[in-house]
Protein backbone atom coordinates (compact mmCIF):
# COMPACT_ATOMS: atom_id res chain seq x y z
CA MET A 1 61.39 -126.26 -40.14
CA PHE A 2 64.42 -124.94 -38.23
CA LYS A 3 64.68 -124.75 -34.47
CA PRO A 4 65.19 -121.16 -33.27
CA MET A 5 68.31 -120.56 -31.21
CA ALA A 6 70.05 -117.60 -29.58
CA SER A 7 70.51 -114.40 -31.57
CA ILE A 8 73.63 -113.64 -33.57
CA PHE A 9 72.62 -110.10 -34.46
CA THR A 10 74.47 -107.38 -32.62
CA ASN A 11 71.78 -105.17 -31.14
CA HIS A 12 72.29 -101.46 -31.72
CA GLN A 13 69.03 -100.13 -30.38
CA ILE A 14 66.84 -100.23 -27.33
CA ALA A 15 65.24 -103.49 -26.20
CA GLY A 16 61.89 -102.68 -27.87
CA HIS A 17 63.48 -102.80 -31.32
CA TYR A 18 65.25 -106.01 -30.46
CA ARG A 19 61.85 -107.74 -30.53
CA ALA A 20 61.89 -107.67 -34.36
CA ILE A 21 64.99 -109.86 -34.33
CA ASP A 22 63.52 -112.05 -31.61
CA ARG A 23 60.29 -112.51 -33.62
CA ALA A 24 62.29 -113.45 -36.73
CA LYS A 25 63.78 -116.34 -34.72
CA LYS A 26 60.34 -117.72 -33.84
CA CYS A 27 58.10 -117.12 -36.84
CA ILE A 28 58.17 -115.84 -40.40
CA VAL A 29 58.37 -112.04 -40.33
CA PRO A 30 57.66 -109.86 -43.39
CA PHE A 31 60.64 -107.75 -44.44
CA HIS A 32 61.58 -105.96 -47.62
CA PHE A 33 65.04 -106.85 -48.93
CA GLU A 34 67.68 -104.56 -50.37
CA ILE A 35 70.38 -106.26 -52.43
CA LYS A 36 73.00 -104.17 -54.24
CA GLY A 37 70.79 -101.09 -54.06
CA GLN A 38 67.72 -102.88 -55.49
CA GLU A 39 64.72 -103.09 -53.16
CA TYR A 40 62.36 -106.07 -53.26
CA PRO A 41 59.55 -105.35 -53.77
CA ALA A 42 60.27 -102.09 -55.54
CA PRO A 43 58.95 -99.10 -53.58
CA LYS A 44 55.61 -97.78 -54.77
CA LYS A 45 55.56 -94.36 -56.36
CA GLU A 46 54.66 -91.71 -53.78
CA THR A 47 51.29 -90.13 -54.60
CA ASN A 48 51.49 -87.23 -52.14
CA TRP A 49 53.13 -84.35 -54.02
CA LEU A 50 54.53 -82.74 -50.86
CA ARG A 51 56.23 -85.98 -49.86
CA ARG A 52 57.57 -86.41 -53.40
CA LEU A 53 59.15 -82.95 -53.23
CA SER A 54 60.66 -83.62 -49.81
CA GLY A 55 61.91 -87.10 -50.78
CA THR A 56 59.99 -88.87 -48.01
CA HIS A 57 57.52 -91.75 -48.32
CA SER A 58 54.13 -92.43 -46.74
CA GLU A 59 54.67 -96.18 -46.57
CA LYS A 60 57.72 -97.38 -44.69
CA TYR A 61 58.93 -100.94 -44.30
CA ALA A 62 61.39 -102.93 -42.27
CA ILE A 63 64.31 -103.87 -44.53
CA VAL A 64 66.95 -106.60 -44.59
CA GLU A 65 69.96 -105.09 -46.35
CA LEU A 66 72.53 -107.49 -47.81
CA THR A 67 75.93 -105.85 -48.18
CA PRO A 68 79.21 -107.44 -49.33
CA THR A 69 80.27 -108.01 -45.70
CA LYS A 70 77.18 -108.12 -43.51
CA VAL A 71 73.41 -108.35 -43.12
CA ILE A 72 71.73 -105.28 -41.58
CA LEU A 73 68.16 -105.11 -40.31
CA TRP A 74 66.53 -101.69 -40.57
CA SER A 75 63.33 -100.62 -38.84
CA PRO A 76 60.67 -98.73 -40.83
CA GLU A 77 62.05 -95.57 -39.16
CA GLN A 78 65.52 -96.37 -40.59
CA ARG A 79 66.97 -97.38 -37.21
CA ASN A 80 69.63 -100.06 -37.25
CA LEU A 81 68.06 -103.04 -35.47
CA GLY A 82 71.08 -105.26 -35.75
CA GLU A 83 73.89 -106.57 -37.90
CA MET A 84 75.53 -109.90 -38.59
CA LEU A 85 78.57 -110.79 -40.65
CA LEU A 86 78.06 -112.76 -43.86
CA ALA A 87 80.75 -115.15 -42.59
CA ASP A 88 78.37 -116.18 -39.77
CA ILE A 89 75.76 -117.49 -42.24
CA LYS A 90 75.98 -121.25 -42.68
CA LEU A 91 73.08 -121.69 -45.09
CA ILE A 92 70.19 -119.87 -46.72
CA GLN A 93 67.04 -121.76 -47.60
CA ILE A 94 64.68 -120.21 -50.11
CA GLY A 95 61.10 -121.26 -50.61
CA ALA A 96 57.51 -120.12 -50.93
CA ILE A 97 54.39 -120.25 -48.81
CA ARG A 98 50.87 -120.09 -50.15
CA TRP A 99 49.32 -116.78 -49.20
CA HIS A 100 45.94 -117.20 -50.89
CA ALA A 101 44.48 -120.62 -51.69
CA SER A 102 41.87 -119.48 -54.21
CA ALA A 103 42.66 -120.21 -57.84
CA ALA A 104 40.39 -117.31 -58.84
CA LEU A 105 42.98 -114.81 -57.63
CA ASP A 106 45.98 -113.80 -59.67
CA PRO A 107 48.51 -116.64 -59.08
CA ARG A 108 51.34 -114.10 -58.93
CA ARG A 109 49.82 -112.78 -55.69
CA ALA A 110 49.15 -116.23 -54.23
CA PHE A 111 52.65 -116.80 -52.78
CA ARG A 112 55.21 -115.13 -50.55
CA ALA A 113 58.92 -115.77 -50.88
CA THR A 114 60.48 -117.27 -47.76
CA ILE A 115 64.10 -116.79 -46.81
CA PHE A 116 65.48 -118.81 -43.89
CA VAL A 117 68.93 -117.77 -42.69
CA VAL A 118 70.75 -120.48 -40.74
CA THR A 119 73.66 -119.67 -38.43
CA ASP A 120 75.36 -121.48 -35.55
CA ALA A 121 73.84 -119.03 -33.07
CA GLY A 122 70.32 -118.73 -34.49
CA ASN A 123 67.96 -119.16 -37.40
CA TYR A 124 65.91 -116.34 -38.87
CA TYR A 125 62.71 -116.55 -40.92
CA PHE A 126 61.78 -113.82 -43.38
CA ALA A 127 58.96 -113.42 -45.91
CA ASN A 128 58.81 -111.12 -48.90
CA PRO A 129 55.86 -110.42 -51.22
CA ASP A 130 58.11 -110.23 -54.31
CA MET A 131 59.15 -113.66 -55.60
CA GLU A 132 61.80 -111.96 -57.77
CA VAL A 133 63.86 -111.61 -54.58
CA LEU A 134 64.68 -115.34 -54.66
CA PRO A 135 66.91 -115.28 -57.78
CA ALA A 136 68.59 -112.13 -56.43
CA ILE A 137 69.33 -113.84 -53.09
CA PHE A 138 70.51 -116.97 -54.90
CA LYS A 139 72.92 -114.91 -57.01
CA PHE A 140 74.11 -112.89 -53.99
CA ALA A 141 74.73 -116.06 -51.96
CA HIS A 142 76.58 -117.70 -54.85
CA GLU A 143 78.84 -114.63 -55.21
CA HIS A 144 79.69 -114.82 -51.48
CA GLN A 145 80.06 -118.62 -51.28
CA ILE A 146 77.02 -119.11 -49.04
CA PRO A 147 75.27 -122.46 -49.59
CA VAL A 148 71.63 -122.20 -50.72
CA GLU A 149 68.96 -124.86 -50.31
CA ASP A 150 66.01 -124.81 -52.68
CA PRO A 151 63.74 -127.69 -51.59
CA LEU A 152 60.85 -126.53 -53.79
CA HIS A 153 63.13 -126.20 -56.86
CA LEU A 154 62.06 -122.60 -57.41
CA ILE A 155 65.21 -121.23 -59.04
CA PRO A 156 64.82 -123.23 -62.29
CA LEU A 157 61.14 -122.32 -62.31
CA LEU A 158 61.83 -118.61 -61.73
CA LYS A 159 64.44 -118.41 -64.51
CA VAL A 160 61.58 -117.88 -66.95
CA GLY A 161 60.32 -115.00 -64.79
CA TRP A 162 57.77 -114.87 -62.02
CA HIS A 163 54.90 -113.90 -64.28
CA ALA A 164 55.33 -117.06 -66.38
CA ALA A 165 56.18 -119.33 -63.44
CA ALA A 166 53.31 -118.26 -61.15
CA LYS A 167 50.65 -120.37 -62.79
CA THR A 168 52.88 -123.47 -62.87
CA LEU A 169 53.76 -123.05 -59.19
CA HIS A 170 50.11 -122.54 -58.29
CA GLU A 171 49.18 -125.81 -60.02
CA THR A 172 52.09 -127.90 -58.71
CA TYR A 173 52.65 -126.44 -55.23
CA ALA A 174 50.99 -129.34 -53.39
CA GLN A 175 53.34 -131.85 -55.04
CA LEU A 176 56.40 -129.68 -54.51
CA ALA A 177 55.62 -129.05 -50.83
CA ALA A 178 54.60 -132.65 -50.02
CA HIS A 179 57.97 -133.79 -48.59
CA THR A 180 59.53 -130.49 -47.56
CA GLY A 181 57.66 -129.41 -44.44
CA TYR A 182 56.20 -126.36 -46.19
CA PRO A 183 52.46 -126.02 -45.52
CA ASP A 184 50.20 -126.83 -48.46
CA SER A 185 47.35 -124.71 -47.13
CA LYS A 186 47.42 -120.92 -47.06
CA VAL A 187 49.01 -119.16 -44.07
């Protein structure tokens, strides 16, 4: 969809951690998102009582944090992988890719949200398992005057909520994706 270019993220860690940013320029990389203190998807409740008491979690994820001034990438170990100013973002494209093609599965689990961040120095491709992140990103971008493309017209569909919109998207995805470059088959 977009041609990867040089990185705009300022690298704060060793070269091994820089690979996460490099991978995000070449392919869609799964990341959790944190917008205004809300994590997408919401963290699962910790089942280990010792970890609950200590405030730590068994499952850790890489996170894209959107702040009022910049975008920060965090490793699962909470290391700062890189930062970029919001002013450097030219465009955000939101979309969805089919994760499971079977209609027998719950349609809410059949898609992953895609977030493509376009800058002059590079383009970054992120995926998120929670489709509710798309309206949050749309609202965040609107508040910070960042243009948003929605080629699959998901925002009007998601206004009724992901649970209600999932079945409609599952049935109409092939038509929506036909002229956008999004793959119709599962990834």
